[in-house]
Amino acid sequence: MNKLDQSVDQHLKAIGASCPRLLFALQESPEAVWGEIMRMESACQAFEKACAGFHHEAADVFEVTVLVGALRAQMCQDGLMDYEEFAAFRQGVAAIQSCVDRLRNSFGRKSPRSNSARSDRHLKTYVFYCSNHLDAGRLAGLGEELGGETVKTIGLPCSGKVDVPYLVKALETGADGVAIVACKKSECRHFEGSARAHKRAEAVEALLEEIGFGKGRMTVVECAKDGAGQACEEIKRFIEQVKNLPPAGVPNAAVKQQECVVA
């Protein structure tokens, strides 16, 4: 293992070490949870910086960032957690631990590839989904069903947790399209979560068009109870539509200058 590999592994260990401490902090106080989240975020930022040379791992690196950000967003909500929110927080911590374990194994057996390999890759799609209505198992076979396309799924306690920077970051890390699977607006446990997902997707679409990145790379799929099959079909149709778009570039600095204005 070279020095870069060791640095990446060190930061991953730090993120992973925060997971059990977070679960323990939940039993103590909000202040204890906040302190651990800040340590996890610091390790996550250092991890992203150290991973600059591992272009083929960008999707997994991004997943850690999203999951850690989702925990912060949940802690920012007013009031004490109810039972469902508490369970969702614990699921989020478990997802981070699982992702860290997978990344440590992946970085341990792979070596960096150059950007020239990107021209041979399949279409890549990120799917953020509300774990109240879907689970990873229902989405697992989408890529194979579409002929080997890359479909990266990221489960969140609510579709409204997907902030604009996450959506933009997905495109920056090589996604050709981004889908958000949200509950029906009338069925959303968090009341405005589904509506918030729609608003943010529309804002990012407008932003991408403004900077010349093009439209049609964002969609929100509403999933009714027991409607996982239909949601998967809609995601597949979206991916087929993205195939007809020109190859995606990388959003430039204009995105970073403007994304902060979107609520």
C-alpha atoms as a PDB file:
ATOM      1  CA  MET A   1       0.000   0.000   0.000  1.00  0.00           C
ATOM      2  CA  ASN A   2       1.543   3.339  -1.083  1.00  0.00           C
ATOM      3  CA  LYS A   3       1.374   6.610   0.828  1.00  0.00           C
ATOM      4  CA  LEU A   4      -1.743   7.796  -1.006  1.00  0.00           C
ATOM      5  CA  ASP A   5      -3.529   4.519  -0.299  1.00  0.00           C
ATOM      6  CA  GLN A   6      -2.542   4.769   3.365  1.00  0.00           C
ATOM      7  CA  SER A   7      -3.864   8.338   3.585  1.00  0.00           C
ATOM      8  CA  VAL A   8      -7.206   7.362   2.054  1.00  0.00           C
ATOM      9  CA  ASP A   9      -7.523   4.363   4.357  1.00  0.00           C
ATOM     10  CA  GLN A  10      -6.703   6.508   7.389  1.00  0.00           C
ATOM     11  CA  HIS A  11      -9.515   8.940   6.613  1.00  0.00           C
ATOM     12  CA  LEU A  12     -11.941   6.074   5.959  1.00  0.00           C
ATOM     13  CA  LYS A  13     -11.060   4.580   9.327  1.00  0.00           C
ATOM     14  CA  ALA A  14     -11.788   7.946  10.959  1.00  0.00           C
ATOM     15  CA  ILE A  15     -15.219   8.150   9.308  1.00  0.00           C
ATOM     16  CA  GLY A  16     -15.984   4.565  10.277  1.00  0.00           C
ATOM     17  CA  ALA A  17     -14.859   5.127  13.852  1.00  0.00           C
ATOM     18  CA  SER A  18     -17.410   7.925  14.195  1.00  0.00           C
ATOM     19  CA  CYS A  19     -20.299   5.555  13.410  1.00  0.00           C
ATOM     20  CA  PRO A  20     -20.447   3.675  16.743  1.00  0.00           C
ATOM     21  CA  ARG A  21     -19.684   6.903  18.605  1.00  0.00           C
ATOM     22  CA  LEU A  22     -22.669   8.539  16.878  1.00  0.00           C
ATOM     23  CA  LEU A  23     -24.981   5.746  17.982  1.00  0.00           C
ATOM     24  CA  PHE A  24     -23.725   6.152  21.537  1.00  0.00           C
ATOM     25  CA  ALA A  25     -24.096   9.948  21.340  1.00  0.00           C
ATOM     26  CA  LEU A  26     -27.769   9.502  20.407  1.00  0.00           C
ATOM     27  CA  GLN A  27     -28.309   8.183  23.917  1.00  0.00           C
ATOM     28  CA  GLU A  28     -26.630  11.219  25.463  1.00  0.00           C
ATOM     29  CA  SER A  29     -27.481  14.638  24.041  1.00  0.00           C
ATOM     30  CA  PRO A  30     -27.880  16.629  20.811  1.00  0.00           C
ATOM     31  CA  GLU A  31     -24.609  18.383  21.651  1.00  0.00           C
ATOM     32  CA  ALA A  32     -22.794  15.037  21.698  1.00  0.00           C
ATOM     33  CA  VAL A  33     -24.299  14.094  18.328  1.00  0.00           C
ATOM     34  CA  TRP A  34     -23.326  17.437  16.799  1.00  0.00           C
ATOM     35  CA  GLY A  35     -19.754  17.069  18.047  1.00  0.00           C
ATOM     36  CA  GLU A  36     -19.437  13.648  16.426  1.00  0.00           C
ATOM     37  CA  ILE A  37     -21.038  14.787  13.183  1.00  0.00           C
ATOM     38  CA  MET A  38     -18.516  17.616  12.970  1.00  0.00           C
ATOM     39  CA  ARG A  39     -15.663  15.147  13.432  1.00  0.00           C
ATOM     40  CA  MET A  40     -17.154  12.888  10.781  1.00  0.00           C
ATOM     41  CA  GLU A  41     -17.547  15.798   8.352  1.00  0.00           C
ATOM     42  CA  SER A  42     -13.935  16.836   8.910  1.00  0.00           C
ATOM     43  CA  ALA A  43     -12.723  13.304   8.164  1.00  0.00           C
ATOM     44  CA  CYS A  44     -15.018  13.176   5.135  1.00  0.00           C
ATOM     45  CA  GLN A  45     -13.575  16.404   3.697  1.00  0.00           C
ATOM     46  CA  ALA A  46     -10.026  15.130   4.186  1.00  0.00           C
ATOM     47  CA  PHE A  47     -11.042  11.838   2.558  1.00  0.00           C
ATOM     48  CA  GLU A  48     -12.439  13.593  -0.536  1.00  0.00           C
ATOM     49  CA  LYS A  49      -9.248  15.609  -0.893  1.00  0.00           C
ATOM     50  CA  ALA A  50      -7.067  12.511  -0.583  1.00  0.00           C
ATOM     51  CA  CYS A  51      -9.165  10.702  -3.222  1.00  0.00           C
ATOM     52  CA  ALA A  52      -8.383  13.182  -5.996  1.00  0.00           C
ATOM     53  CA  GLY A  53      -6.263  10.578  -7.780  1.00  0.00           C
ATOM     54  CA  PHE A  54      -8.883   7.820  -7.649  1.00  0.00           C
ATOM     55  CA  HIS A  55     -11.227   8.893 -10.454  1.00  0.00           C
ATOM     56  CA  HIS A  56     -12.806   5.452 -10.788  1.00  0.00           C
ATOM     57  CA  GLU A  57     -14.067   5.623  -7.197  1.00  0.00           C
ATOM     58  CA  ALA A  58     -15.809   9.008  -7.532  1.00  0.00           C
ATOM     59  CA  ALA A  59     -19.317   7.561  -7.174  1.00  0.00           C
ATOM     60  CA  ASP A  60     -18.579   5.777  -3.907  1.00  0.00           C
ATOM     61  CA  VAL A  61     -16.687   8.767  -2.518  1.00  0.00           C
ATOM     62  CA  PHE A  62     -19.703  10.925  -3.311  1.00  0.00           C
ATOM     63  CA  GLU A  63     -22.028   8.468  -1.572  1.00  0.00           C
ATOM     64  CA  VAL A  64     -20.196   8.937   1.736  1.00  0.00           C
ATOM     65  CA  THR A  65     -20.500  12.713   1.387  1.00  0.00           C
ATOM     66  CA  VAL A  66     -24.248  12.505   0.727  1.00  0.00           C
ATOM     67  CA  LEU A  67     -24.924  10.171   3.634  1.00  0.00           C
ATOM     68  CA  VAL A  68     -22.957  12.294   6.093  1.00  0.00           C
ATOM     69  CA  GLY A  69     -24.736  15.397   4.811  1.00  0.00           C
ATOM     70  CA  ALA A  70     -28.103  13.697   5.312  1.00  0.00           C
ATOM     71  CA  LEU A  71     -27.307  13.144   9.004  1.00  0.00           C
ATOM     72  CA  ARG A  72     -26.435  16.814   9.396  1.00  0.00           C
ATOM     73  CA  ALA A  73     -29.678  17.823   7.650  1.00  0.00           C
ATOM     74  CA  GLN A  74     -31.707  15.631   9.982  1.00  0.00           C
ATOM     75  CA  MET A  75     -30.054  17.145  13.038  1.00  0.00           C
ATOM     76  CA  CYS A  76     -30.909  20.627  11.714  1.00  0.00           C
ATOM     77  CA  GLN A  77     -34.629  19.915  11.985  1.00  0.00           C
ATOM     78  CA  ASP A  78     -36.451  21.691  14.764  1.00  0.00           C
ATOM     79  CA  GLY A  79     -37.623  19.710  17.772  1.00  0.00           C
ATOM     80  CA  LEU A  80     -36.694  16.358  19.220  1.00  0.00           C
ATOM     81  CA  MET A  81     -36.578  13.229  17.048  1.00  0.00           C
ATOM     82  CA  ASP A  82     -39.628  11.026  17.093  1.00  0.00           C
ATOM     83  CA  TYR A  83     -39.348   7.236  16.860  1.00  0.00           C
ATOM     84  CA  GLU A  84     -39.303   7.096  13.043  1.00  0.00           C
ATOM     85  CA  GLU A  85     -36.718   9.872  12.746  1.00  0.00           C
ATOM     86  CA  PHE A  86     -34.571   8.177  15.375  1.00  0.00           C
ATOM     87  CA  ALA A  87     -34.735   4.895  13.423  1.00  0.00           C
ATOM     88  CA  ALA A  88     -33.926   6.693  10.162  1.00  0.00           C
ATOM     89  CA  PHE A  89     -30.884   8.310  11.778  1.00  0.00           C
ATOM     90  CA  ARG A  90     -29.612   4.911  12.922  1.00  0.00           C
ATOM     91  CA  GLN A  91     -30.167   3.538   9.416  1.00  0.00           C
ATOM     92  CA  GLY A  92     -28.162   6.441   8.023  1.00  0.00           C
ATOM     93  CA  VAL A  93     -25.263   5.656  10.356  1.00  0.00           C
ATOM     94  CA  ALA A  94     -25.413   1.989   9.332  1.00  0.00           C
ATOM     95  CA  ALA A  95     -25.346   2.997   5.648  1.00  0.00           C
ATOM     96  CA  ILE A  96     -22.220   5.094   6.226  1.00  0.00           C
ATOM     97  CA  GLN A  97     -20.498   2.199   7.975  1.00  0.00           C
ATOM     98  CA  SER A  98     -21.420  -0.160   5.131  1.00  0.00           C
ATOM     99  CA  CYS A  99     -20.146   2.293   2.522  1.00  0.00           C
ATOM    100  CA  VAL A 100     -16.873   2.799   4.422  1.00  0.00           C
ATOM    101  CA  ASP A 101     -16.318  -0.968   4.637  1.00  0.00           C
ATOM    102  CA  ARG A 102     -16.979  -1.351   0.917  1.00  0.00           C
ATOM    103  CA  LEU A 103     -14.640   1.499   0.042  1.00  0.00           C
ATOM    104  CA  ARG A 104     -11.818   0.175   2.202  1.00  0.00           C
ATOM    105  CA  ASN A 105     -12.041  -3.150   0.388  1.00  0.00           C
ATOM    106  CA  SER A 106     -12.259  -1.423  -2.993  1.00  0.00           C
ATOM    107  CA  PHE A 107      -9.291   0.883  -2.481  1.00  0.00           C
ATOM    108  CA  GLY A 108      -7.295  -2.011  -1.128  1.00  0.00           C
ATOM    109  CA  ARG A 109      -7.561  -4.046  -4.325  1.00  0.00           C
ATOM    110  CA  LYS A 110      -7.713  -1.421  -7.097  1.00  0.00           C
ATOM    111  CA  SER A 111      -5.150   0.954  -8.514  1.00  0.00           C
ATOM    112  CA  PRO A 112      -5.905   4.394  -9.988  1.00  0.00           C
ATOM    113  CA  ARG A 113      -6.905   4.596 -13.626  1.00  0.00           C
ATOM    114  CA  SER A 114      -6.312   7.513 -15.908  1.00  0.00           C
ATOM    115  CA  ASN A 115      -9.110   9.723 -17.253  1.00  0.00           C
ATOM    116  CA  SER A 116      -8.628   8.142 -20.695  1.00  0.00           C
ATOM    117  CA  ALA A 117     -10.657   5.149 -19.480  1.00  0.00           C
ATOM    118  CA  ARG A 118     -13.736   7.346 -19.108  1.00  0.00           C
ATOM    119  CA  SER A 119     -14.420   7.184 -22.836  1.00  0.00           C
ATOM    120  CA  ASP A 120     -15.147   3.449 -22.536  1.00  0.00           C
ATOM    121  CA  ARG A 121     -17.549   3.632 -19.617  1.00  0.00           C
ATOM    122  CA  HIS A 122     -21.266   2.912 -19.773  1.00  0.00           C
ATOM    123  CA  LEU A 123     -23.932   5.486 -19.057  1.00  0.00           C
ATOM    124  CA  LYS A 124     -23.965   6.339 -15.345  1.00  0.00           C
ATOM    125  CA  THR A 125     -27.116   7.288 -13.437  1.00  0.00           C
ATOM    126  CA  TYR A 126     -27.524   8.253  -9.797  1.00  0.00           C
ATOM    127  CA  VAL A 127     -30.812   7.323  -8.123  1.00  0.00           C
ATOM    128  CA  PHE A 128     -31.598   8.996  -4.806  1.00  0.00           C
ATOM    129  CA  TYR A 129     -34.570   7.241  -3.270  1.00  0.00           C
ATOM    130  CA  CYS A 130     -36.823   7.621  -0.249  1.00  0.00           C
ATOM    131  CA  SER A 131     -36.260   4.494   1.841  1.00  0.00           C
ATOM    132  CA  ASN A 132     -39.813   4.743   3.213  1.00  0.00           C
ATOM    133  CA  HIS A 133     -41.200   3.441  -0.088  1.00  0.00           C
ATOM    134  CA  LEU A 134     -38.262   1.635  -1.717  1.00  0.00           C
ATOM    135  CA  ASP A 135     -35.315  -0.495  -0.706  1.00  0.00           C
ATOM    136  CA  ALA A 136     -32.031  -1.173  -2.451  1.00  0.00           C
ATOM    137  CA  GLY A 137     -33.117  -4.684  -3.425  1.00  0.00           C
ATOM    138  CA  ARG A 138     -35.864  -3.393  -5.720  1.00  0.00           C
ATOM    139  CA  LEU A 139     -33.350  -1.214  -7.584  1.00  0.00           C
ATOM    140  CA  ALA A 140     -30.442  -3.653  -7.651  1.00  0.00           C
ATOM    141  CA  GLY A 141     -31.028  -5.083 -11.127  1.00  0.00           C
ATOM    142  CA  LEU A 142     -31.732  -1.904 -13.083  1.00  0.00           C
ATOM    143  CA  GLY A 143     -28.272  -1.664 -14.626  1.00  0.00           C
ATOM    144  CA  GLU A 144     -28.278  -5.270 -15.848  1.00  0.00           C
ATOM    145  CA  GLU A 145     -31.787  -4.907 -17.261  1.00  0.00           C
ATOM    146  CA  LEU A 146     -30.541  -1.977 -19.327  1.00  0.00           C
ATOM    147  CA  GLY A 147     -27.595  -3.852 -20.793  1.00  0.00           C
ATOM    148  CA  GLY A 148     -24.932  -3.219 -18.195  1.00  0.00           C
ATOM    149  CA  GLU A 149     -25.438   0.485 -17.512  1.00  0.00           C
ATOM    150  CA  THR A 150     -24.103   1.851 -14.226  1.00  0.00           C
ATOM    151  CA  VAL A 151     -26.900   2.717 -11.791  1.00  0.00           C
ATOM    152  CA  LYS A 152     -25.755   4.058  -8.424  1.00  0.00           C
ATOM    153  CA  THR A 153     -28.480   4.007  -5.766  1.00  0.00           C
ATOM    154  CA  ILE A 154     -28.383   6.089  -2.583  1.00  0.00           C
ATOM    155  CA  GLY A 155     -31.112   5.629   0.018  1.00  0.00           C
ATOM    156  CA  LEU A 156     -32.177   8.523   2.233  1.00  0.00           C
ATOM    157  CA  PRO A 157     -34.787   8.832   5.016  1.00  0.00           C
ATOM    158  CA  CYS A 158     -36.651  11.386   2.876  1.00  0.00           C
ATOM    159  CA  SER A 159     -36.266  12.585  -0.718  1.00  0.00           C
ATOM    160  CA  GLY A 160     -36.340  16.137   0.628  1.00  0.00           C
ATOM    161  CA  LYS A 161     -32.884  15.508   2.146  1.00  0.00           C
ATOM    162  CA  VAL A 162     -31.280  15.840  -1.292  1.00  0.00           C
ATOM    163  CA  ASP A 163     -29.849  19.343  -1.383  1.00  0.00           C
ATOM    164  CA  VAL A 164     -28.794  21.192  -4.539  1.00  0.00           C
ATOM    165  CA  PRO A 165     -25.047  20.689  -3.945  1.00  0.00           C
ATOM    166  CA  TYR A 166     -25.588  16.900  -3.845  1.00  0.00           C
ATOM    167  CA  LEU A 167     -27.392  16.934  -7.182  1.00  0.00           C
ATOM    168  CA  VAL A 168     -24.715  19.080  -8.800  1.00  0.00           C
ATOM    169  CA  LYS A 169     -21.956  16.962  -7.266  1.00  0.00           C
ATOM    170  CA  ALA A 170     -23.476  13.850  -8.827  1.00  0.00           C
ATOM    171  CA  LEU A 171     -23.025  15.379 -12.270  1.00  0.00           C
ATOM    172  CA  GLU A 172     -19.546  16.611 -11.402  1.00  0.00           C
ATOM    173  CA  THR A 173     -18.519  13.056 -10.493  1.00  0.00           C
ATOM    174  CA  GLY A 174     -19.535  11.665 -13.867  1.00  0.00           C
ATOM    175  CA  ALA A 175     -23.288  11.053 -13.773  1.00  0.00           C
ATOM    176  CA  ASP A 176     -25.116  11.383 -17.091  1.00  0.00           C
ATOM    177  CA  GLY A 177     -28.474  11.628 -15.325  1.00  0.00           C
ATOM    178  CA  VAL A 178     -29.918  11.926 -11.829  1.00  0.00           C
ATOM    179  CA  ALA A 179     -33.270  10.528 -10.659  1.00  0.00           C
ATOM    180  CA  ILE A 180     -34.958  11.218  -7.339  1.00  0.00           C
ATOM    181  CA  VAL A 181     -37.578   8.718  -6.183  1.00  0.00           C
ATOM    182  CA  ALA A 182     -40.000  10.534  -3.891  1.00  0.00           C
ATOM    183  CA  CYS A 183     -43.221   9.552  -2.141  1.00  0.00           C
ATOM    184  CA  LYS A 184     -46.520  10.752  -3.527  1.00  0.00           C
ATOM    185  CA  LYS A 185     -46.991  14.252  -2.132  1.00  0.00           C
ATOM    186  CA  SER A 186     -50.087  13.125  -0.243  1.00  0.00           C
ATOM    187  CA  GLU A 187     -48.195  10.195   1.312  1.00  0.00           C
ATOM    188  CA  CYS A 188     -44.973  11.926   2.394  1.00  0.00           C
ATOM    189  CA  ARG A 189     -44.281  11.275   6.092  1.00  0.00           C
ATOM    190  CA  HIS A 190     -42.373  14.522   6.331  1.00  0.00           C
ATOM    191  CA  PHE A 191     -45.190  16.539   4.725  1.00  0.00           C
ATOM    192  CA  GLU A 192     -43.115  18.754   2.409  1.00  0.00           C
ATOM    193  CA  GLY A 193     -40.264  16.355   1.624  1.00  0.00           C
ATOM    194  CA  SER A 194     -41.590  15.261  -1.760  1.00  0.00           C
ATOM    195  CA  ALA A 195     -42.493  18.812  -2.773  1.00  0.00           C
ATOM    196  CA  ARG A 196     -39.007  19.957  -1.754  1.00  0.00           C
ATOM    197  CA  ALA A 197     -37.434  17.279  -3.957  1.00  0.00           C
ATOM    198  CA  HIS A 198     -39.435  18.501  -6.966  1.00  0.00           C
ATOM    199  CA  LYS A 199     -38.458  22.101  -6.293  1.00  0.00           C
ATOM    200  CA  ARG A 200     -34.758  21.343  -6.047  1.00  0.00           C
ATOM    201  CA  ALA A 201     -34.707  19.134  -9.139  1.00  0.00           C
ATOM    202  CA  GLU A 202     -36.428  21.868 -11.163  1.00  0.00           C
ATOM    203  CA  ALA A 203     -33.977  24.451  -9.843  1.00  0.00           C
ATOM    204  CA  VAL A 204     -30.966  22.352 -10.809  1.00  0.00           C
ATOM    205  CA  GLU A 205     -32.411  21.697 -14.281  1.00  0.00           C
ATOM    206  CA  ALA A 206     -32.825  25.430 -14.832  1.00  0.00           C
ATOM    207  CA  LEU A 207     -29.334  26.073 -13.523  1.00  0.00           C
ATOM    208  CA  LEU A 208     -27.761  23.461 -15.804  1.00  0.00           C
ATOM    209  CA  GLU A 209     -29.561  24.900 -18.818  1.00  0.00           C
ATOM    210  CA  GLU A 210     -28.386  28.389 -17.914  1.00  0.00           C
ATOM    211  CA  ILE A 211     -24.713  27.376 -17.883  1.00  0.00           C
ATOM    212  CA  GLY A 212     -25.004  25.349 -21.083  1.00  0.00           C
ATOM    213  CA  PHE A 213     -25.018  21.882 -19.512  1.00  0.00           C
ATOM    214  CA  GLY A 214     -28.365  21.036 -21.078  1.00  0.00           C
ATOM    215  CA  LYS A 215     -31.804  19.897 -19.879  1.00  0.00           C
ATOM    216  CA  GLY A 216     -33.205  16.424 -19.419  1.00  0.00           C
ATOM    217  CA  ARG A 217     -30.649  15.062 -16.944  1.00  0.00           C
ATOM    218  CA  MET A 218     -32.844  15.419 -13.851  1.00  0.00           C
ATOM    219  CA  THR A 219     -36.130  13.752 -12.990  1.00  0.00           C
ATOM    220  CA  VAL A 220     -38.349  13.119  -9.979  1.00  0.00           C
ATOM    221  CA  VAL A 221     -40.278   9.842  -9.907  1.00  0.00           C
ATOM    222  CA  GLU A 222     -43.183   9.716  -7.484  1.00  0.00           C
ATOM    223  CA  CYS A 223     -43.573   6.286  -5.934  1.00  0.00           C
ATOM    224  CA  ALA A 224     -46.912   5.335  -4.409  1.00  0.00           C
ATOM    225  CA  LYS A 225     -47.209   2.713  -1.684  1.00  0.00           C
ATOM    226  CA  ASP A 226     -46.721  -0.708  -3.290  1.00  0.00           C
ATOM    227  CA  GLY A 227     -45.693   1.099  -6.467  1.00  0.00           C
ATOM    228  CA  ALA A 228     -42.022   0.093  -6.578  1.00  0.00           C
ATOM    229  CA  GLY A 229     -42.410  -1.766  -9.864  1.00  0.00           C
ATOM    230  CA  GLN A 230     -43.882   1.233 -11.647  1.00  0.00           C
ATOM    231  CA  ALA A 231     -41.190   3.510 -10.189  1.00  0.00           C
ATOM    232  CA  CYS A 232     -38.464   1.217 -11.537  1.00  0.00           C
ATOM    233  CA  GLU A 233     -40.045   1.296 -14.988  1.00  0.00           C
ATOM    234  CA  GLU A 234     -40.092   5.090 -14.920  1.00  0.00           C
ATOM    235  CA  ILE A 235     -36.422   5.164 -13.939  1.00  0.00           C
ATOM    236  CA  LYS A 236     -35.583   2.870 -16.862  1.00  0.00           C
ATOM    237  CA  ARG A 237     -37.502   5.100 -19.267  1.00  0.00           C
ATOM    238  CA  PHE A 238     -35.616   8.113 -17.933  1.00  0.00           C
ATOM    239  CA  ILE A 239     -32.250   6.377 -18.478  1.00  0.00           C
ATOM    240  CA  GLU A 240     -33.241   5.499 -22.045  1.00  0.00           C
ATOM    241  CA  GLN A 241     -34.109   9.169 -22.651  1.00  0.00           C
ATOM    242  CA  VAL A 242     -30.744  10.303 -21.286  1.00  0.00           C
ATOM    243  CA  LYS A 243     -29.041   8.015 -23.832  1.00  0.00           C
ATOM    244  CA  ASN A 244     -30.353  10.308 -26.556  1.00  0.00           C
ATOM    245  CA  LEU A 245     -28.680  13.366 -25.025  1.00  0.00           C
ATOM    246  CA  PRO A 246     -25.178  14.532 -25.987  1.00  0.00           C
ATOM    247  CA  PRO A 247     -22.366  13.217 -23.752  1.00  0.00           C
ATOM    248  CA  ALA A 248     -22.329  14.995 -20.421  1.00  0.00           C
ATOM    249  CA  GLY A 249     -19.533  17.387 -19.604  1.00  0.00           C
ATOM    250  CA  VAL A 250     -18.640  18.605 -16.126  1.00  0.00           C
ATOM    251  CA  PRO A 251     -20.497  21.617 -14.657  1.00  0.00           C
ATOM    252  CA  ASN A 252     -18.134  24.537 -14.421  1.00  0.00           C
ATOM    253  CA  ALA A 253     -17.530  27.033 -11.632  1.00  0.00           C
ATOM    254  CA  ALA A 254     -20.732  28.890 -12.526  1.00  0.00           C
ATOM    255  CA  VAL A 255     -22.674  26.173 -10.739  1.00  0.00           C
ATOM    256  CA  LYS A 256     -20.747  26.641  -7.539  1.00  0.00           C
ATOM    257  CA  GLN A 257     -21.338  30.389  -7.700  1.00  0.00           C
ATOM    258  CA  GLN A 258     -25.101  30.030  -8.152  1.00  0.00           C
ATOM    259  CA  GLU A 259     -26.164  26.836  -6.363  1.00  0.00           C
ATOM    260  CA  CYS A 260     -26.295  28.577  -2.990  1.00  0.00           C
ATOM    261  CA  VAL A 261     -29.290  30.708  -4.057  1.00  0.00           C
ATOM    262  CA  VAL A 262     -31.584  27.675  -4.397  1.00  0.00           C
ATOM    263  CA  ALA A 263     -33.480  26.812  -1.201  1.00  0.00           C
END
